[in-house]
C-alpha atoms as a PDB file:
ATOM      1  CA  UNK A   1      -2.816 -76.442  31.508  1.00  0.00           C
ATOM      2  CA  UNK A   2      -3.112 -75.187  27.920  1.00  0.00           C
ATOM      3  CA  UNK A   3      -2.260 -71.629  27.046  1.00  0.00           C
ATOM      4  CA  UNK A   4      -5.270 -69.282  27.354  1.00  0.00           C
ATOM      5  CA  UNK A   5      -4.443 -67.454  24.111  1.00  0.00           C
ATOM      6  CA  UNK A   6      -4.241 -70.681  22.141  1.00  0.00           C
ATOM      7  CA  UNK A   7      -7.456 -71.894  23.728  1.00  0.00           C
ATOM      8  CA  UNK A   8      -9.291 -68.740  22.649  1.00  0.00           C
ATOM      9  CA  UNK A   9      -8.067 -69.045  19.083  1.00  0.00           C
ATOM     10  CA  UNK A  10      -9.151 -72.670  18.920  1.00  0.00           C
ATOM     11  CA  UNK A  11     -12.686 -71.974  20.145  1.00  0.00           C
ATOM     12  CA  UNK A  12     -13.320 -69.164  17.628  1.00  0.00           C
ATOM     13  CA  UNK A  13     -14.747 -70.128  14.247  1.00  0.00           C
ATOM     14  CA  UNK A  14     -12.516 -69.651  11.261  1.00  0.00           C
ATOM     15  CA  UNK A  15     -14.778 -66.964   9.757  1.00  0.00           C
ATOM     16  CA  UNK A  16     -14.466 -64.738  12.861  1.00  0.00           C
ATOM     17  CA  UNK A  17     -10.730 -64.264  12.389  1.00  0.00           C
ATOM     18  CA  UNK A  18     -11.342 -62.118   9.298  1.00  0.00           C
ATOM     19  CA  UNK A  19     -13.625 -59.138   9.704  1.00  0.00           C
ATOM     20  CA  UNK A  20     -14.173 -55.699   8.169  1.00  0.00           C
ATOM     21  CA  UNK A  21     -15.759 -52.651   9.764  1.00  0.00           C
ATOM     22  CA  UNK A  22     -17.672 -50.422   7.349  1.00  0.00           C
ATOM     23  CA  UNK A  23     -18.393 -46.889   8.554  1.00  0.00           C
ATOM     24  CA  UNK A  24     -21.255 -45.214   6.715  1.00  0.00           C
ATOM     25  CA  UNK A  25     -22.990 -41.848   7.296  1.00  0.00           C
ATOM     26  CA  UNK A  26     -26.251 -41.855   9.181  1.00  0.00           C
ATOM     27  CA  UNK A  27     -27.892 -39.449   6.748  1.00  0.00           C
ATOM     28  CA  UNK A  28     -27.794 -38.714   3.058  1.00  0.00           C
ATOM     29  CA  UNK A  29     -25.173 -36.324   1.675  1.00  0.00           C
ATOM     30  CA  UNK A  30     -27.764 -33.827   0.497  1.00  0.00           C
ATOM     31  CA  UNK A  31     -29.228 -33.252   3.985  1.00  0.00           C
ATOM     32  CA  UNK A  32     -27.616 -29.983   5.041  1.00  0.00           C
ATOM     33  CA  UNK A  33     -29.673 -29.528   8.233  1.00  0.00           C
ATOM     34  CA  UNK A  34     -30.622 -25.981   7.362  1.00  0.00           C
ATOM     35  CA  UNK A  35     -33.202 -25.871  10.157  1.00  0.00           C
ATOM     36  CA  UNK A  36     -30.511 -26.707  12.695  1.00  0.00           C
ATOM     37  CA  UNK A  37     -28.260 -24.093  11.118  1.00  0.00           C
ATOM     38  CA  UNK A  38     -30.991 -21.498  11.612  1.00  0.00           C
ATOM     39  CA  UNK A  39     -31.279 -22.469  15.292  1.00  0.00           C
ATOM     40  CA  UNK A  40     -27.559 -21.675  15.675  1.00  0.00           C
ATOM     41  CA  UNK A  41     -27.836 -18.280  13.966  1.00  0.00           C
ATOM     42  CA  UNK A  42     -26.589 -16.500  17.090  1.00  0.00           C
ATOM     43  CA  UNK A  43     -23.422 -18.591  16.929  1.00  0.00           C
ATOM     44  CA  UNK A  44     -22.976 -17.556  13.290  1.00  0.00           C
ATOM     45  CA  UNK A  45     -23.252 -13.928  14.340  1.00  0.00           C
ATOM     46  CA  UNK A  46     -20.648 -14.466  17.075  1.00  0.00           C
ATOM     47  CA  UNK A  47     -18.233 -15.958  14.521  1.00  0.00           C
ATOM     48  CA  UNK A  48     -18.886 -13.042  12.159  1.00  0.00           C
ATOM     49  CA  UNK A  49     -18.218 -10.513  14.910  1.00  0.00           C
ATOM     50  CA  UNK A  50     -15.081 -12.352  16.090  1.00  0.00           C
ATOM     51  CA  UNK A  51     -13.514 -12.597  12.635  1.00  0.00           C
ATOM     52  CA  UNK A  52     -14.588  -9.091  11.641  1.00  0.00           C
ATOM     53  CA  UNK A  53     -13.047  -7.465  14.704  1.00  0.00           C
ATOM     54  CA  UNK A  54      -9.852  -9.543  14.588  1.00  0.00           C
ATOM     55  CA  UNK A  55      -9.308  -8.762  10.874  1.00  0.00           C
ATOM     56  CA  UNK A  56      -9.269  -4.971  11.312  1.00  0.00           C
ATOM     57  CA  UNK A  57      -8.060  -4.647  14.893  1.00  0.00           C
ATOM     58  CA  UNK A  58      -4.706  -2.884  15.422  1.00  0.00           C
ATOM     59  CA  UNK A  59      -4.522  -1.703  11.815  1.00  0.00           C
ATOM     60  CA  UNK A  60      -3.656   1.870  10.885  1.00  0.00           C
ATOM     61  CA  UNK A  61      -6.163   2.202   8.051  1.00  0.00           C
ATOM     62  CA  UNK A  62      -8.856   0.152   9.782  1.00  0.00           C
ATOM     63  CA  UNK A  63     -12.081  -0.095   7.818  1.00  0.00           C
ATOM     64  CA  UNK A  64     -10.581   1.770   4.864  1.00  0.00           C
ATOM     65  CA  UNK A  65      -9.303  -1.654   3.767  1.00  0.00           C
ATOM     66  CA  UNK A  66     -12.825  -2.160   2.436  1.00  0.00           C
ATOM     67  CA  UNK A  67     -12.119   0.533  -0.159  1.00  0.00           C
ATOM     68  CA  UNK A  68      -8.437   0.278  -1.079  1.00  0.00           C
ATOM     69  CA  UNK A  69      -8.171  -3.287  -2.511  1.00  0.00           C
ATOM     70  CA  UNK A  70     -10.749  -2.875  -5.335  1.00  0.00           C
ATOM     71  CA  UNK A  71      -9.351   0.546  -6.281  1.00  0.00           C
ATOM     72  CA  UNK A  72      -5.748  -0.691  -6.342  1.00  0.00           C
ATOM     73  CA  UNK A  73      -6.756  -3.806  -8.296  1.00  0.00           C
ATOM     74  CA  UNK A  74      -8.644  -1.716 -10.862  1.00  0.00           C
ATOM     75  CA  UNK A  75      -5.719   0.709 -11.184  1.00  0.00           C
ATOM     76  CA  UNK A  76      -3.227  -2.124 -11.708  1.00  0.00           C
ATOM     77  CA  UNK A  77      -5.468  -3.784 -14.308  1.00  0.00           C
ATOM     78  CA  UNK A  78      -6.025  -0.484 -16.067  1.00  0.00           C
ATOM     79  CA  UNK A  79      -2.300   0.182 -16.266  1.00  0.00           C
ATOM     80  CA  UNK A  80      -1.318  -3.308 -17.398  1.00  0.00           C
ATOM     81  CA  UNK A  81      -4.191  -4.278 -19.708  1.00  0.00           C
ATOM     82  CA  UNK A  82      -5.088  -0.779 -20.847  1.00  0.00           C
ATOM     83  CA  UNK A  83      -1.679   0.886 -21.253  1.00  0.00           C
ATOM     84  CA  UNK A  84       0.819  -1.962 -21.646  1.00  0.00           C
ATOM     85  CA  UNK A  85      -1.222  -4.485 -23.657  1.00  0.00           C
ATOM     86  CA  UNK A  86      -3.819  -1.961 -24.918  1.00  0.00           C
ATOM     87  CA  UNK A  87      -6.848  -4.230 -24.793  1.00  0.00           C
ATOM     88  CA  UNK A  88     -10.040  -2.607 -26.117  1.00  0.00           C
ATOM     89  CA  UNK A  89     -12.941  -1.935 -23.750  1.00  0.00           C
ATOM     90  CA  UNK A  90     -15.605  -1.148 -26.395  1.00  0.00           C
ATOM     91  CA  UNK A  91     -15.696   2.538 -25.504  1.00  0.00           C
ATOM     92  CA  UNK A  92     -16.152   2.047 -21.768  1.00  0.00           C
ATOM     93  CA  UNK A  93     -13.837   3.829 -19.308  1.00  0.00           C
ATOM     94  CA  UNK A  94     -10.964   1.371 -18.689  1.00  0.00           C
ATOM     95  CA  UNK A  95     -10.973   1.920 -14.917  1.00  0.00           C
ATOM     96  CA  UNK A  96     -14.689   1.151 -14.625  1.00  0.00           C
ATOM     97  CA  UNK A  97     -14.409  -1.765 -17.042  1.00  0.00           C
ATOM     98  CA  UNK A  98     -11.659  -3.534 -15.082  1.00  0.00           C
ATOM     99  CA  UNK A  99     -13.198  -2.709 -11.729  1.00  0.00           C
ATOM    100  CA  UNK A 100     -16.409  -4.465 -12.751  1.00  0.00           C
ATOM    101  CA  UNK A 101     -14.426  -7.328 -14.273  1.00  0.00           C
ATOM    102  CA  UNK A 102     -12.469  -8.085 -11.116  1.00  0.00           C
ATOM    103  CA  UNK A 103     -15.532  -7.667  -8.893  1.00  0.00           C
ATOM    104  CA  UNK A 104     -16.957 -11.173  -9.347  1.00  0.00           C
ATOM    105  CA  UNK A 105     -13.564 -12.845  -9.378  1.00  0.00           C
ATOM    106  CA  UNK A 106     -12.679 -11.224  -6.047  1.00  0.00           C
ATOM    107  CA  UNK A 107     -15.842 -12.726  -4.560  1.00  0.00           C
ATOM    108  CA  UNK A 108     -14.886 -16.187  -5.779  1.00  0.00           C
ATOM    109  CA  UNK A 109     -11.258 -15.957  -4.651  1.00  0.00           C
ATOM    110  CA  UNK A 110     -12.161 -14.594  -1.204  1.00  0.00           C
ATOM    111  CA  UNK A 111     -14.693 -17.378  -0.544  1.00  0.00           C
ATOM    112  CA  UNK A 112     -12.260 -19.988  -1.842  1.00  0.00           C
ATOM    113  CA  UNK A 113      -9.222 -18.798   0.130  1.00  0.00           C
ATOM    114  CA  UNK A 114     -11.055 -17.993   3.381  1.00  0.00           C
ATOM    115  CA  UNK A 115     -12.767 -21.398   3.553  1.00  0.00           C
ATOM    116  CA  UNK A 116      -9.809 -23.519   2.400  1.00  0.00           C
ATOM    117  CA  UNK A 117      -8.382 -23.808   5.927  1.00  0.00           C
ATOM    118  CA  UNK A 118     -11.545 -23.944   8.041  1.00  0.00           C
ATOM    119  CA  UNK A 119     -10.711 -27.231   9.776  1.00  0.00           C
ATOM    120  CA  UNK A 120      -7.118 -26.284  10.471  1.00  0.00           C
ATOM    121  CA  UNK A 121      -7.944 -22.883  11.973  1.00  0.00           C
ATOM    122  CA  UNK A 122     -10.843 -24.161  14.104  1.00  0.00           C
ATOM    123  CA  UNK A 123      -9.593 -27.616  15.090  1.00  0.00           C
ATOM    124  CA  UNK A 124      -9.641 -26.723  18.789  1.00  0.00           C
ATOM    125  CA  UNK A 125     -13.293 -25.652  18.612  1.00  0.00           C
ATOM    126  CA  UNK A 126     -14.432 -28.619  16.532  1.00  0.00           C
ATOM    127  CA  UNK A 127     -12.936 -31.086  18.999  1.00  0.00           C
ATOM    128  CA  UNK A 128     -14.609 -29.699  22.119  1.00  0.00           C
ATOM    129  CA  UNK A 129     -18.304 -29.175  21.523  1.00  0.00           C
ATOM    130  CA  UNK A 130     -20.892 -30.020  18.887  1.00  0.00           C
ATOM    131  CA  UNK A 131     -22.376 -27.372  16.646  1.00  0.00           C
ATOM    132  CA  UNK A 132     -23.273 -27.362  12.936  1.00  0.00           C
ATOM    133  CA  UNK A 133     -19.987 -27.238  11.095  1.00  0.00           C
ATOM    134  CA  UNK A 134     -21.433 -25.070   8.338  1.00  0.00           C
ATOM    135  CA  UNK A 135     -21.668 -22.160  10.780  1.00  0.00           C
ATOM    136  CA  UNK A 136     -17.945 -21.410  10.446  1.00  0.00           C
ATOM    137  CA  UNK A 137     -17.705 -21.191   6.613  1.00  0.00           C
ATOM    138  CA  UNK A 138     -21.066 -19.409   6.552  1.00  0.00           C
ATOM    139  CA  UNK A 139     -19.623 -16.758   8.864  1.00  0.00           C
ATOM    140  CA  UNK A 140     -16.650 -16.341   6.518  1.00  0.00           C
ATOM    141  CA  UNK A 141     -18.985 -15.845   3.575  1.00  0.00           C
ATOM    142  CA  UNK A 142     -21.147 -13.325   5.438  1.00  0.00           C
ATOM    143  CA  UNK A 143     -18.084 -11.286   6.350  1.00  0.00           C
ATOM    144  CA  UNK A 144     -17.066 -11.005   2.738  1.00  0.00           C
ATOM    145  CA  UNK A 145     -20.626 -10.224   1.651  1.00  0.00           C
ATOM    146  CA  UNK A 146     -20.406  -7.151   3.879  1.00  0.00           C
ATOM    147  CA  UNK A 147     -17.177  -6.304   2.080  1.00  0.00           C
ATOM    148  CA  UNK A 148     -18.892  -6.861  -1.267  1.00  0.00           C
ATOM    149  CA  UNK A 149     -21.725  -4.494  -0.316  1.00  0.00           C
ATOM    150  CA  UNK A 150     -19.234  -1.719   0.444  1.00  0.00           C
ATOM    151  CA  UNK A 151     -17.309  -2.357  -2.783  1.00  0.00           C
ATOM    152  CA  UNK A 152     -20.517  -2.393  -4.801  1.00  0.00           C
ATOM    153  CA  UNK A 153     -21.514   1.002  -3.395  1.00  0.00           C
ATOM    154  CA  UNK A 154     -18.047   2.222  -4.329  1.00  0.00           C
ATOM    155  CA  UNK A 155     -18.540   0.898  -7.854  1.00  0.00           C
ATOM    156  CA  UNK A 156     -21.918   2.649  -8.113  1.00  0.00           C
ATOM    157  CA  UNK A 157     -20.225   5.879  -7.056  1.00  0.00           C
ATOM    158  CA  UNK A 158     -17.632   5.584  -9.846  1.00  0.00           C
ATOM    159  CA  UNK A 159     -20.388   4.612 -12.289  1.00  0.00           C
ATOM    160  CA  UNK A 160     -22.365   7.781 -11.492  1.00  0.00           C
ATOM    161  CA  UNK A 161     -19.173   9.819 -11.784  1.00  0.00           C
ATOM    162  CA  UNK A 162     -18.328   8.532 -15.263  1.00  0.00           C
ATOM    163  CA  UNK A 163     -21.933   8.908 -16.466  1.00  0.00           C
ATOM    164  CA  UNK A 164     -21.915  12.522 -15.272  1.00  0.00           C
ATOM    165  CA  UNK A 165     -18.707  13.057 -17.268  1.00  0.00           C
ATOM    166  CA  UNK A 166     -20.472  11.916 -20.445  1.00  0.00           C
ATOM    167  CA  UNK A 167     -19.229   8.324 -20.693  1.00  0.00           C
ATOM    168  CA  UNK A 168     -21.177   6.077 -23.078  1.00  0.00           C
ATOM    169  CA  UNK A 169     -22.603   3.644 -20.520  1.00  0.00           C
ATOM    170  CA  UNK A 170     -25.988   2.016 -21.132  1.00  0.00           C
ATOM    171  CA  UNK A 171     -27.070  -0.549 -18.481  1.00  0.00           C
ATOM    172  CA  UNK A 172     -29.492  -3.184 -19.748  1.00  0.00           C
ATOM    173  CA  UNK A 173     -31.759  -5.850 -18.250  1.00  0.00           C
ATOM    174  CA  UNK A 174     -28.816  -8.123 -17.408  1.00  0.00           C
ATOM    175  CA  UNK A 175     -28.153  -5.891 -14.398  1.00  0.00           C
ATOM    176  CA  UNK A 176     -30.978  -7.720 -12.592  1.00  0.00           C
ATOM    177  CA  UNK A 177     -28.972 -10.963 -12.886  1.00  0.00           C
ATOM    178  CA  UNK A 178     -26.356  -9.589 -10.495  1.00  0.00           C
ATOM    179  CA  UNK A 179     -27.795 -11.343  -7.375  1.00  0.00           C
ATOM    180  CA  UNK A 180     -27.776 -14.661  -9.244  1.00  0.00           C
ATOM    181  CA  UNK A 181     -24.179 -14.139 -10.366  1.00  0.00           C
ATOM    182  CA  UNK A 182     -23.261 -13.205  -6.808  1.00  0.00           C
ATOM    183  CA  UNK A 183     -24.703 -16.448  -5.405  1.00  0.00           C
ATOM    184  CA  UNK A 184     -22.996 -18.454  -8.149  1.00  0.00           C
ATOM    185  CA  UNK A 185     -19.615 -16.897  -7.326  1.00  0.00           C
ATOM    186  CA  UNK A 186     -20.130 -17.574  -3.601  1.00  0.00           C
ATOM    187  CA  UNK A 187     -21.070 -21.226  -4.033  1.00  0.00           C
ATOM    188  CA  UNK A 188     -18.400 -21.880  -6.677  1.00  0.00           C
ATOM    189  CA  UNK A 189     -15.809 -20.589  -4.199  1.00  0.00           C
ATOM    190  CA  UNK A 190     -17.382 -22.220  -1.132  1.00  0.00           C
ATOM    191  CA  UNK A 191     -17.568 -25.733  -2.587  1.00  0.00           C
ATOM    192  CA  UNK A 192     -13.899 -26.184  -3.587  1.00  0.00           C
ATOM    193  CA  UNK A 193     -12.905 -24.299  -0.426  1.00  0.00           C
ATOM    194  CA  UNK A 194     -14.589 -26.865   1.835  1.00  0.00           C
ATOM    195  CA  UNK A 195     -13.140 -29.768  -0.142  1.00  0.00           C
ATOM    196  CA  UNK A 196      -9.672 -28.222   0.087  1.00  0.00           C
ATOM    197  CA  UNK A 197     -10.150 -27.602   3.808  1.00  0.00           C
ATOM    198  CA  UNK A 198     -10.642 -31.319   4.403  1.00  0.00           C
ATOM    199  CA  UNK A 199      -7.293 -31.986   2.710  1.00  0.00           C
ATOM    200  CA  UNK A 200      -5.556 -29.012   4.324  1.00  0.00           C
ATOM    201  CA  UNK A 201      -6.220 -30.525   7.749  1.00  0.00           C
ATOM    202  CA  UNK A 202      -3.740 -33.269   6.800  1.00  0.00           C
ATOM    203  CA  UNK A 203      -1.469 -31.475   4.336  1.00  0.00           C
ATOM    204  CA  UNK A 204      -0.816 -27.932   5.559  1.00  0.00           C
ATOM    205  CA  UNK A 205       1.076 -27.026   2.378  1.00  0.00           C
ATOM    206  CA  UNK A 206      -2.209 -26.784   0.509  1.00  0.00           C
ATOM    207  CA  UNK A 207      -3.085 -23.648   2.458  1.00  0.00           C
ATOM    208  CA  UNK A 208      -0.194 -21.788   0.835  1.00  0.00           C
ATOM    209  CA  UNK A 209      -0.751 -23.343  -2.588  1.00  0.00           C
ATOM    210  CA  UNK A 210      -4.388 -22.220  -2.644  1.00  0.00           C
ATOM    211  CA  UNK A 211      -3.408 -18.548  -2.387  1.00  0.00           C
ATOM    212  CA  UNK A 212      -0.726 -18.956  -5.040  1.00  0.00           C
ATOM    213  CA  UNK A 213      -3.043 -20.900  -7.365  1.00  0.00           C
ATOM    214  CA  UNK A 214      -5.883 -18.402  -7.026  1.00  0.00           C
ATOM    215  CA  UNK A 215      -3.567 -15.488  -7.759  1.00  0.00           C
END
């Protein structure tokens, strides 16, 4: 009796021994399923609440961490760039100048860093049940937008203070471009963050390099 394995190989055509499986997406890359994302808005809110509570739970200063980072960053920039290097600010108060300068960059860096390890931090959730994957990075962005709102109110408070002290500050029409600049900073940070997150799932070292690179 001939060997069964040899018999199977003999009956197959020669072309069938060489094959390639091509995996392609079912939909186009530009279909973000925003309608489905809206249907899962309660899940987004749950992620926002979970991350928001866990970030400030068991901390001594609590929600004061909304206020301290921008003030400390502006003070450090004022000391280094204003006193050590003596960069001109065109007559503006150095503290207010550097606080506004680091405002947009902090938005970019926060969105970039917080979304660069999405897959690694939520691997257990992604592997159990289906939900739109954009809900997790969207929750990260919404959390920082709350932080941005508090910092912006803080900036407005310092702006009113310096104007009352007689500082030469003249806002112009470009102030109305702030929402556009805000969205640009969010998306510029979100895009590379999601790309990096796909690589961080395999190479965990990238998570540490992202923070170092952004700094």
